[in-house]
PDB file of all heavy atoms in Angstrom:
ATOM      1  N   THR A   1     153.871 -82.652  37.745  1.00  0.00           N
ATOM      2  CA  THR A   1     154.177 -84.005  38.207  1.00  0.00           C
ATOM      3  C   THR A   1     154.024 -84.967  37.042  1.00  0.00           C
ATOM      4  O   THR A   1     152.979 -84.992  36.382  1.00  0.00           O
ATOM      5  CB  THR A   1     153.232 -84.427  39.346  1.00  0.00           C
ATOM      6  OG1 THR A   1     153.316 -83.483  40.412  1.00  0.00           O
ATOM      7  CG2 THR A   1     153.608 -85.810  39.870  1.00  0.00           C
ATOM      8  N   THR A   2     155.067 -85.758  36.778  1.00  0.00           N
ATOM      9  CA  THR A   2     154.991 -86.764  35.729  1.00  0.00           C
ATOM     10  C   THR A   2     155.937 -87.911  36.056  1.00  0.00           C
ATOM     11  O   THR A   2     156.967 -87.720  36.704  1.00  0.00           O
ATOM     12  CB  THR A   2     155.343 -86.180  34.348  1.00  0.00           C
ATOM     13  OG1 THR A   2     155.260 -87.221  33.359  1.00  0.00           O
ATOM     14  CG2 THR A   2     156.741 -85.590  34.326  1.00  0.00           C
ATOM     15  N   ALA A   3     155.565 -89.099  35.617  1.00  0.00           N
ATOM     16  CA  ALA A   3     156.396 -90.286  35.819  1.00  0.00           C
ATOM     17  C   ALA A   3     157.263 -90.569  34.602  1.00  0.00           C
ATOM     18  O   ALA A   3     157.835 -91.654  34.484  1.00  0.00           O
ATOM     19  CB  ALA A   3     155.515 -91.505  36.123  1.00  0.00           C
ATOM     20  N   SER A   4     157.398 -89.602  33.713  1.00  0.00           N
ATOM     21  CA  SER A   4     158.175 -89.790  32.493  1.00  0.00           C
ATOM     22  C   SER A   4     159.052 -88.570  32.253  1.00  0.00           C
ATOM     23  O   SER A   4     159.308 -87.784  33.157  1.00  0.00           O
ATOM     24  CB  SER A   4     157.238 -90.049  31.314  1.00  0.00           C
ATOM     25  OG  SER A   4     157.951 -90.465  30.169  1.00  0.00           O
ATOM     26  N   ASP A   5     159.527 -88.405  31.008  1.00  0.00           N
ATOM     27  CA  ASP A   5     160.493 -87.356  30.672  1.00  0.00           C
ATOM     28  C   ASP A   5     159.793 -86.046  30.313  1.00  0.00           C
ATOM     29  O   ASP A   5     158.644 -86.022  29.866  1.00  0.00           O
ATOM     30  CB  ASP A   5     161.365 -87.789  29.496  1.00  0.00           C
ATOM     31  CG  ASP A   5     162.200 -89.019  29.803  1.00  0.00           C
ATOM     32  OD1 ASP A   5     162.461 -89.270  31.000  1.00  0.00           O
ATOM     33  OD2 ASP A   5     162.587 -89.732  28.853  1.00  0.00           O
ATOM     34  N   VAL A   6     160.542 -84.958  30.476  1.00  0.00           N
ATOM     35  CA  VAL A   6     160.104 -83.626  30.064  1.00  0.00           C
ATOM     36  C   VAL A   6     161.155 -83.070  29.107  1.00  0.00           C
ATOM     37  O   VAL A   6     162.346 -83.022  29.449  1.00  0.00           O
ATOM     38  CB  VAL A   6     159.941 -82.682  31.271  1.00  0.00           C
ATOM     39  CG1 VAL A   6     159.563 -81.284  30.802  1.00  0.00           C
ATOM     40  CG2 VAL A   6     158.900 -83.223  32.237  1.00  0.00           C
ATOM     41  N   ARG A   7     160.723 -82.665  27.929  1.00  0.00           N
ATOM     42  CA  ARG A   7     161.691 -82.190  26.929  1.00  0.00           C
ATOM     43  C   ARG A   7     162.425 -80.947  27.404  1.00  0.00           C
ATOM     44  O   ARG A   7     163.647 -80.841  27.273  1.00  0.00           O
ATOM     45  CB  ARG A   7     160.975 -81.911  25.611  1.00  0.00           C
ATOM     46  CG  ARG A   7     161.907 -81.415  24.512  1.00  0.00           C
ATOM     47  CD  ARG A   7     161.152 -81.174  23.221  1.00  0.00           C
ATOM     48  NE  ARG A   7     162.032 -80.630  22.192  1.00  0.00           N
ATOM     49  CZ  ARG A   7     161.619 -80.261  20.986  1.00  0.00           C
ATOM     50  NH1 ARG A   7     160.341 -80.406  20.647  1.00  0.00           N
ATOM     51  NH2 ARG A   7     162.468 -79.767  20.112  1.00  0.00           N
ATOM     52  N   GLY A   8     161.685 -79.975  27.957  1.00  0.00           N
ATOM     53  CA  GLY A   8     162.347 -78.764  28.416  1.00  0.00           C
ATOM     54  C   GLY A   8     161.372 -77.736  28.921  1.00  0.00           C
ATOM     55  O   GLY A   8     160.171 -77.785  28.630  1.00  0.00           O
ATOM     56  N   LEU A   9     161.890 -76.778  29.705  1.00  0.00           N
ATOM     57  CA  LEU A   9     161.090 -75.705  30.267  1.00  0.00           C
ATOM     58  C   LEU A   9     161.790 -74.384  30.009  1.00  0.00           C
ATOM     59  O   LEU A   9     162.985 -74.247  30.280  1.00  0.00           O
ATOM     60  CB  LEU A   9     160.921 -75.893  31.779  1.00  0.00           C
ATOM     61  CG  LEU A   9     160.195 -77.164  32.211  1.00  0.00           C
ATOM     62  CD1 LEU A   9     160.856 -77.751  33.427  1.00  0.00           C
ATOM     63  CD2 LEU A   9     158.743 -76.867  32.515  1.00  0.00           C
ATOM     64  N   ARG A  10     161.021 -73.416  29.487  1.00  0.00           N
ATOM     65  CA  ARG A  10     161.544 -72.067  29.294  1.00  0.00           C
ATOM     66  C   ARG A  10     160.565 -71.107  29.954  1.00  0.00           C
ATOM     67  O   ARG A  10     159.484 -70.843  29.421  1.00  0.00           O
ATOM     68  CB  ARG A  10     161.700 -71.749  27.811  1.00  0.00           C
ATOM     69  CG  ARG A  10     162.391 -70.418  27.552  1.00  0.00           C
ATOM     70  CD  ARG A  10     162.745 -70.259  26.089  1.00  0.00           C
ATOM     71  NE  ARG A  10     163.507 -69.051  25.855  1.00  0.00           N
ATOM     72  CZ  ARG A  10     164.059 -68.731  24.689  1.00  0.00           C
ATOM     73  NH1 ARG A  10     163.926 -69.553  23.657  1.00  0.00           N
ATOM     74  NH2 ARG A  10     164.739 -67.617  24.566  1.00  0.00           N
ATOM     75  N   LEU A  11     160.946 -70.591  31.128  1.00  0.00           N
ATOM     76  CA  LEU A  11     160.038 -69.830  31.970  1.00  0.00           C
ATOM     77  C   LEU A  11     160.558 -68.423  32.183  1.00  0.00           C
ATOM     78  O   LEU A  11     161.751 -68.153  32.029  1.00  0.00           O
ATOM     79  CB  LEU A  11     159.848 -70.536  33.322  1.00  0.00           C
ATOM     80  CG  LEU A  11     159.488 -72.033  33.261  1.00  0.00           C
ATOM     81  CD1 LEU A  11     159.450 -72.621  34.654  1.00  0.00           C
ATOM     82  CD2 LEU A  11     158.164 -72.247  32.534  1.00  0.00           C
ATOM     83  N   GLY A  12     159.648 -67.537  32.577  1.00  0.00           N
ATOM     84  CA  GLY A  12     160.039 -66.175  32.902  1.00  0.00           C
ATOM     85  C   GLY A  12     160.544 -66.088  34.331  1.00  0.00           C
ATOM     86  O   GLY A  12     161.437 -66.828  34.735  1.00  0.00           O
ATOM     87  N   GLN A  13     159.963 -65.192  35.125  1.00  0.00           N
ATOM     88  CA  GLN A  13     160.349 -65.037  36.519  1.00  0.00           C
ATOM     89  C   GLN A  13     159.547 -66.021  37.366  1.00  0.00           C
ATOM     90  O   GLN A  13     158.330 -65.885  37.500  1.00  0.00           O
ATOM     91  CB  GLN A  13     160.086 -63.605  36.984  1.00  0.00           C
ATOM     92  CG  GLN A  13     160.771 -62.552  36.141  1.00  0.00           C
ATOM     93  CD  GLN A  13     162.286 -62.633  36.227  1.00  0.00           C
ATOM     94  OE1 GLN A  13     162.847 -62.860  37.286  1.00  0.00           O
ATOM     95  NE2 GLN A  13     162.953 -62.452  35.100  1.00  0.00           N
ATOM     96  N   VAL A  14     160.220 -67.019  37.932  1.00  0.00           N
ATOM     97  CA  VAL A  14     159.542 -68.030  38.732  1.00  0.00           C
ATOM     98  C   VAL A  14     159.505 -67.569  40.185  1.00  0.00           C
ATOM     99  O   VAL A  14     160.535 -67.442  40.834  1.00  0.00           O
ATOM    100  CB  VAL A  14     160.252 -69.391  38.627  1.00  0.00           C
ATOM    101  CG1 VAL A  14     159.538 -70.422  39.496  1.00  0.00           C
ATOM    102  CG2 VAL A  14     160.297 -69.861  37.176  1.00  0.00           C
ATOM    103  N   ILE A  15     158.294 -67.316  40.676  1.00  0.00           N
ATOM    104  CA  ILE A  15     158.126 -66.973  42.083  1.00  0.00           C
ATOM    105  C   ILE A  15     158.117 -68.241  42.926  1.00  0.00           C
ATOM    106  O   ILE A  15     158.840 -68.359  43.916  1.00  0.00           O
ATOM    107  CB  ILE A  15     156.832 -66.167  42.283  1.00  0.00           C
ATOM    108  CG1 ILE A  15     156.920 -64.850  41.491  1.00  0.00           C
ATOM    109  CG2 ILE A  15     156.590 -65.882  43.767  1.00  0.00           C
ATOM    110  CD1 ILE A  15     155.630 -64.060  41.477  1.00  0.00           C
ATOM    111  N   SER A  16     157.308 -69.230  42.522  1.00  0.00           N
ATOM    112  CA  SER A  16     157.275 -70.510  43.212  1.00  0.00           C
ATOM    113  C   SER A  16     156.777 -71.579  42.251  1.00  0.00           C
ATOM    114  O   SER A  16     155.715 -71.416  41.635  1.00  0.00           O
ATOM    115  CB  SER A  16     156.356 -70.450  44.439  1.00  0.00           C
ATOM    116  OG  SER A  16     156.273 -71.718  45.060  1.00  0.00           O
ATOM    117  N   ALA A  17     157.545 -72.665  42.116  1.00  0.00           N
ATOM    118  CA  ALA A  17     157.147 -73.768  41.251  1.00  0.00           C
ATOM    119  C   ALA A  17     157.804 -75.050  41.728  1.00  0.00           C
ATOM    120  O   ALA A  17     158.947 -75.042  42.188  1.00  0.00           O
ATOM    121  CB  ALA A  17     157.528 -73.481  39.794  1.00  0.00           C
ATOM    122  N   ASP A  18     157.081 -76.158  41.621  1.00  0.00           N
ATOM    123  CA  ASP A  18     157.589 -77.469  42.009  1.00  0.00           C
ATOM    124  C   ASP A  18     157.552 -78.397  40.803  1.00  0.00           C
ATOM    125  O   ASP A  18     156.509 -78.546  40.156  1.00  0.00           O
ATOM    126  CB  ASP A  18     156.743 -78.083  43.128  1.00  0.00           C
ATOM    127  CG  ASP A  18     156.859 -77.317  44.438  1.00  0.00           C
ATOM    128  OD1 ASP A  18     157.941 -76.769  44.697  1.00  0.00           O
ATOM    129  OD2 ASP A  18     155.864 -77.268  45.185  1.00  0.00           O
ATOM    130  N   LEU A  19     158.693 -79.035  40.519  1.00  0.00           N
ATOM    131  CA  LEU A  19     158.773 -80.042  39.467  1.00  0.00           C
ATOM    132  C   LEU A  19     159.063 -81.384  40.112  1.00  0.00           C
ATOM    133  O   LEU A  19     160.058 -81.539  40.828  1.00  0.00           O
ATOM    134  CB  LEU A  19     159.884 -79.704  38.473  1.00  0.00           C
ATOM    135  CG  LEU A  19     159.880 -78.314  37.825  1.00  0.00           C
ATOM    136  CD1 LEU A  19     161.060 -78.173  36.881  1.00  0.00           C
ATOM    137  CD2 LEU A  19     158.569 -78.067  37.090  1.00  0.00           C
ATOM    138  N   ASP A  20     158.193 -82.368  39.888  1.00  0.00           N
ATOM    139  CA  ASP A  20     158.393 -83.721  40.404  1.00  0.00           C
ATOM    140  C   ASP A  20     158.365 -84.656  39.202  1.00  0.00           C
ATOM    141  O   ASP A  20     157.307 -85.116  38.770  1.00  0.00           O
ATOM    142  CB  ASP A  20     157.291 -84.071  41.406  1.00  0.00           C
ATOM    143  CG  ASP A  20     157.531 -85.410  42.085  1.00  0.00           C
ATOM    144  OD1 ASP A  20     158.553 -86.056  41.772  1.00  0.00           O
ATOM    145  OD2 ASP A  20     156.695 -85.812  42.918  1.00  0.00           O
ATOM    146  N   VAL A  21     159.556 -84.914  38.660  1.00  0.00           N
ATOM    147  CA  VAL A  21     159.686 -85.638  37.400  1.00  0.00           C
ATOM    148  C   VAL A  21     160.446 -86.943  37.644  1.00  0.00           C
ATOM    149  O   VAL A  21     161.628 -86.925  37.980  1.00  0.00           O
ATOM    150  CB  VAL A  21     160.419 -84.775  36.351  1.00  0.00           C
ATOM    151  CG1 VAL A  21     160.599 -85.553  35.049  1.00  0.00           C
ATOM    152  CG2 VAL A  21     159.653 -83.487  36.102  1.00  0.00           C
ATOM    153  N   ASN A  22     159.772 -88.049  37.467  1.00  0.00           N
ATOM    154  CA  ASN A  22     160.412 -89.363  37.602  1.00  0.00           C
ATOM    155  C   ASN A  22     160.966 -89.774  36.237  1.00  0.00           C
ATOM    156  O   ASN A  22     160.567 -90.765  35.649  1.00  0.00           O
ATOM    157  CB  ASN A  22     159.417 -90.392  38.130  1.00  0.00           C
ATOM    158  CG  ASN A  22     160.093 -91.706  38.489  1.00  0.00           C
ATOM    159  OD1 ASN A  22     161.306 -91.767  38.639  1.00  0.00           O
ATOM    160  ND2 ASN A  22     159.311 -92.760  38.618  1.00  0.00           N
ATOM    161  N   GLY A  23     161.886 -88.956  35.755  1.00  0.00           N
ATOM    162  CA  GLY A  23     162.477 -89.157  34.443  1.00  0.00           C
ATOM    163  C   GLY A  23     163.506 -88.077  34.193  1.00  0.00           C
ATOM    164  O   GLY A  23     164.065 -87.493  35.126  1.00  0.00           O
ATOM    165  N   HIS A  24     163.752 -87.766  32.920  1.00  0.00           N
ATOM    166  CA  HIS A  24     164.786 -86.811  32.527  1.00  0.00           C
ATOM    167  C   HIS A  24     164.164 -85.495  32.110  1.00  0.00           C
ATOM    168  O   HIS A  24     163.150 -85.470  31.395  1.00  0.00           O
ATOM    169  CB  HIS A  24     165.602 -87.387  31.362  1.00  0.00           C
ATOM    170  CG  HIS A  24     166.610 -86.434  30.790  1.00  0.00           C
ATOM    171  ND1 HIS A  24     167.755 -86.081  31.458  1.00  0.00           N
ATOM    172  CD2 HIS A  24     166.612 -85.759  29.608  1.00  0.00           C
ATOM    173  CE1 HIS A  24     168.445 -85.229  30.713  1.00  0.00           C
ATOM    174  NE2 HIS A  24     167.784 -85.024  29.583  1.00  0.00           N
ATOM    175  N   ILE A  25     164.732 -84.376  32.538  1.00  0.00           N
ATOM    176  CA  ILE A  25     164.359 -83.053  32.049  1.00  0.00           C
ATOM    177  C   ILE A  25     165.486 -82.574  31.139  1.00  0.00           C
ATOM    178  O   ILE A  25     166.639 -82.481  31.565  1.00  0.00           O
ATOM    179  CB  ILE A  25     164.148 -82.047  33.194  1.00  0.00           C
ATOM    180  CG1 ILE A  25     163.083 -82.548  34.174  1.00  0.00           C
ATOM    181  CG2 ILE A  25     163.738 -80.689  32.626  1.00  0.00           C
ATOM    182  CD1 ILE A  25     162.892 -81.644  35.373  1.00  0.00           C
ATOM    183  N   GLY A  26     165.158 -82.274  29.913  1.00  0.00           N
ATOM    184  CA  GLY A  26     166.196 -81.898  28.956  1.00  0.00           C
ATOM    185  C   GLY A  26     166.882 -80.594  29.305  1.00  0.00           C
ATOM    186  O   GLY A  26     168.102 -80.512  29.423  1.00  0.00           O
ATOM    187  N   ARG A  27     166.108 -79.526  29.505  1.00  0.00           N
ATOM    188  CA  ARG A  27     166.697 -78.210  29.760  1.00  0.00           C
ATOM    189  C   ARG A  27     165.728 -77.382  30.583  1.00  0.00           C
ATOM    190  O   ARG A  27     164.523 -77.388  30.335  1.00  0.00           O
ATOM    191  CB  ARG A  27     166.994 -77.506  28.443  1.00  0.00           C
ATOM    192  CG  ARG A  27     167.536 -76.088  28.583  1.00  0.00           C
ATOM    193  CD  ARG A  27     167.763 -75.451  27.223  1.00  0.00           C
ATOM    194  NE  ARG A  27     168.789 -76.153  26.456  1.00  0.00           N
ATOM    195  CZ  ARG A  27     169.148 -75.803  25.223  1.00  0.00           C
ATOM    196  NH1 ARG A  27     168.547 -74.789  24.618  1.00  0.00           N
ATOM    197  NH2 ARG A  27     170.095 -76.479  24.595  1.00  0.00           N
ATOM    198  N   ILE A  28     166.266 -76.661  31.563  1.00  0.00           N
ATOM    199  CA  ILE A  28     165.478 -75.730  32.366  1.00  0.00           C
ATOM    200  C   ILE A  28     166.067 -74.348  32.194  1.00  0.00           C
ATOM    201  O   ILE A  28     167.247 -74.131  32.460  1.00  0.00           O
ATOM    202  CB  ILE A  28     165.472 -76.124  33.856  1.00  0.00           C
ATOM    203  CG1 ILE A  28     164.860 -77.521  34.056  1.00  0.00           C
ATOM    204  CG2 ILE A  28     164.714 -75.097  34.680  1.00  0.00           C
ATOM    205  CD1 ILE A  28     164.969 -78.034  35.470  1.00  0.00           C
ATOM    206  N   GLN A  29     165.243 -73.395  31.736  1.00  0.00           N
ATOM    207  CA  GLN A  29     165.654 -72.000  31.594  1.00  0.00           C
ATOM    208  C   GLN A  29     164.646 -71.117  32.319  1.00  0.00           C
ATOM    209  O   GLN A  29     163.432 -71.315  32.178  1.00  0.00           O
ATOM    210  CB  GLN A  29     165.722 -71.596  30.125  1.00  0.00           C
ATOM    211  CG  GLN A  29     166.800 -72.305  29.320  1.00  0.00           C
ATOM    212  CD  GLN A  29     166.769 -71.893  27.866  1.00  0.00           C
ATOM    213  OE1 GLN A  29     165.886 -72.275  27.127  1.00  0.00           O
ATOM    214  NE2 GLN A  29     167.731 -71.078  27.465  1.00  0.00           N
ATOM    215  N   ALA A  30     165.137 -70.141  33.075  1.00  0.00           N
ATOM    216  CA  ALA A  30     164.256 -69.213  33.771  1.00  0.00           C
ATOM    217  C   ALA A  30     164.983 -67.910  34.013  1.00  0.00           C
ATOM    218  O   ALA A  30     166.219 -67.879  34.090  1.00  0.00           O
ATOM    219  CB  ALA A  30     163.781 -69.807  35.091  1.00  0.00           C
ATOM    220  N   GLY A  31     164.211 -66.814  34.152  1.00  0.00           N
ATOM    221  CA  GLY A  31     164.828 -65.553  34.517  1.00  0.00           C
ATOM    222  C   GLY A  31     165.372 -65.606  35.934  1.00  0.00           C
ATOM    223  O   GLY A  31     166.471 -65.139  36.210  1.00  0.00           O
ATOM    224  N   ARG A  32     164.590 -66.163  36.831  1.00  0.00           N
ATOM    225  CA  ARG A  32     164.994 -66.410  38.206  1.00  0.00           C
ATOM    226  C   ARG A  32     164.109 -67.523  38.749  1.00  0.00           C
ATOM    227  O   ARG A  32     163.080 -67.840  38.156  1.00  0.00           O
ATOM    228  CB  ARG A  32     164.841 -65.151  39.074  1.00  0.00           C
ATOM    229  CG  ARG A  32     163.403 -64.688  39.218  1.00  0.00           C
ATOM    230  CD  ARG A  32     163.284 -63.397  40.009  1.00  0.00           C
ATOM    231  NE  ARG A  32     163.626 -63.590  41.402  1.00  0.00           N
ATOM    232  CZ  ARG A  32     162.741 -63.944  42.354  1.00  0.00           C
ATOM    233  NH1 ARG A  32     161.481 -64.168  42.023  1.00  0.00           N
ATOM    234  NH2 ARG A  32     163.103 -64.076  43.598  1.00  0.00           N
ATOM    235  N   TRP A  33     164.508 -68.107  39.871  1.00  0.00           N
ATOM    236  CA  TRP A  33     163.685 -69.153  40.503  1.00  0.00           C
ATOM    237  C   TRP A  33     163.689 -68.870  41.999  1.00  0.00           C
ATOM    238  O   TRP A  33     164.644 -69.154  42.705  1.00  0.00           O
ATOM    239  CB  TRP A  33     164.266 -70.539  40.210  1.00  0.00           C
ATOM    240  CG  TRP A  33     163.254 -71.650  40.351  1.00  0.00           C
ATOM    241  CD1 TRP A  33     162.594 -72.023  41.490  1.00  0.00           C
ATOM    242  CD2 TRP A  33     162.782 -72.518  39.314  1.00  0.00           C
ATOM    243  NE1 TRP A  33     161.737 -73.062  41.237  1.00  0.00           N
ATOM    244  CE2 TRP A  33     161.835 -73.391  39.896  1.00  0.00           C
ATOM    245  CE3 TRP A  33     163.075 -72.641  37.959  1.00  0.00           C
ATOM    246  CZ2 TRP A  33     161.173 -74.378  39.169  1.00  0.00           C
ATOM    247  CZ3 TRP A  33     162.423 -73.615  37.242  1.00  0.00           C
ATOM    248  CH2 TRP A  33     161.492 -74.476  37.825  1.00  0.00           C
ATOM    249  N   GLY A  34     162.584 -68.268  42.481  1.00  0.00           N
ATOM    250  CA  GLY A  34     162.552 -67.789  43.852  1.00  0.00           C
ATOM    251  C   GLY A  34     162.352 -68.868  44.891  1.00  0.00           C
ATOM    252  O   GLY A  34     163.029 -68.883  45.926  1.00  0.00           O
ATOM    253  N   ALA A  35     161.418 -69.800  44.644  1.00  0.00           N
ATOM    254  CA  ALA A  35     161.107 -70.822  45.649  1.00  0.00           C
ATOM    255  C   ALA A  35     160.499 -72.028  44.970  1.00  0.00           C
ATOM    256  O   ALA A  35     159.973 -71.950  43.861  1.00  0.00           O
ATOM    257  CB  ALA A  35     160.150 -70.263  46.696  1.00  0.00           C
ATOM    258  N   GLY A  36     160.573 -73.161  45.660  1.00  0.00           N
ATOM    259  CA  GLY A  36     159.995 -74.394  45.145  1.00  0.00           C
ATOM    260  C   GLY A  36     161.007 -75.522  45.143  1.00  0.00           C
ATOM    261  O   GLY A  36     161.980 -75.513  45.908  1.00  0.00           O
ATOM    262  N   LEU A  37     160.807 -76.496  44.269  1.00  0.00           N
ATOM    263  CA  LEU A  37     161.624 -77.702  44.262  1.00  0.00           C
ATOM    264  C   LEU A  37     161.764 -78.211  42.836  1.00  0.00           C
ATOM    265  O   LEU A  37     160.803 -78.212  42.066  1.00  0.00           O
ATOM    266  CB  LEU A  37     160.968 -78.787  45.124  1.00  0.00           C
ATOM    267  CG  LEU A  37     161.605 -80.182  45.098  1.00  0.00           C
ATOM    268  CD1 LEU A  37     162.953 -80.157  45.811  1.00  0.00           C
ATOM    269  CD2 LEU A  37     160.686 -81.202  45.744  1.00  0.00           C
TER     270      LEU A  37
END
């Protein structure tokens, strides 16, 4: 959770994850994203 920007995320196998970003996310990379927001 952040009220600003996120440069980027490089993740493996996402089972469950929530991103609450009140700003810009540069790039999201993951092997898979099973659940979350």
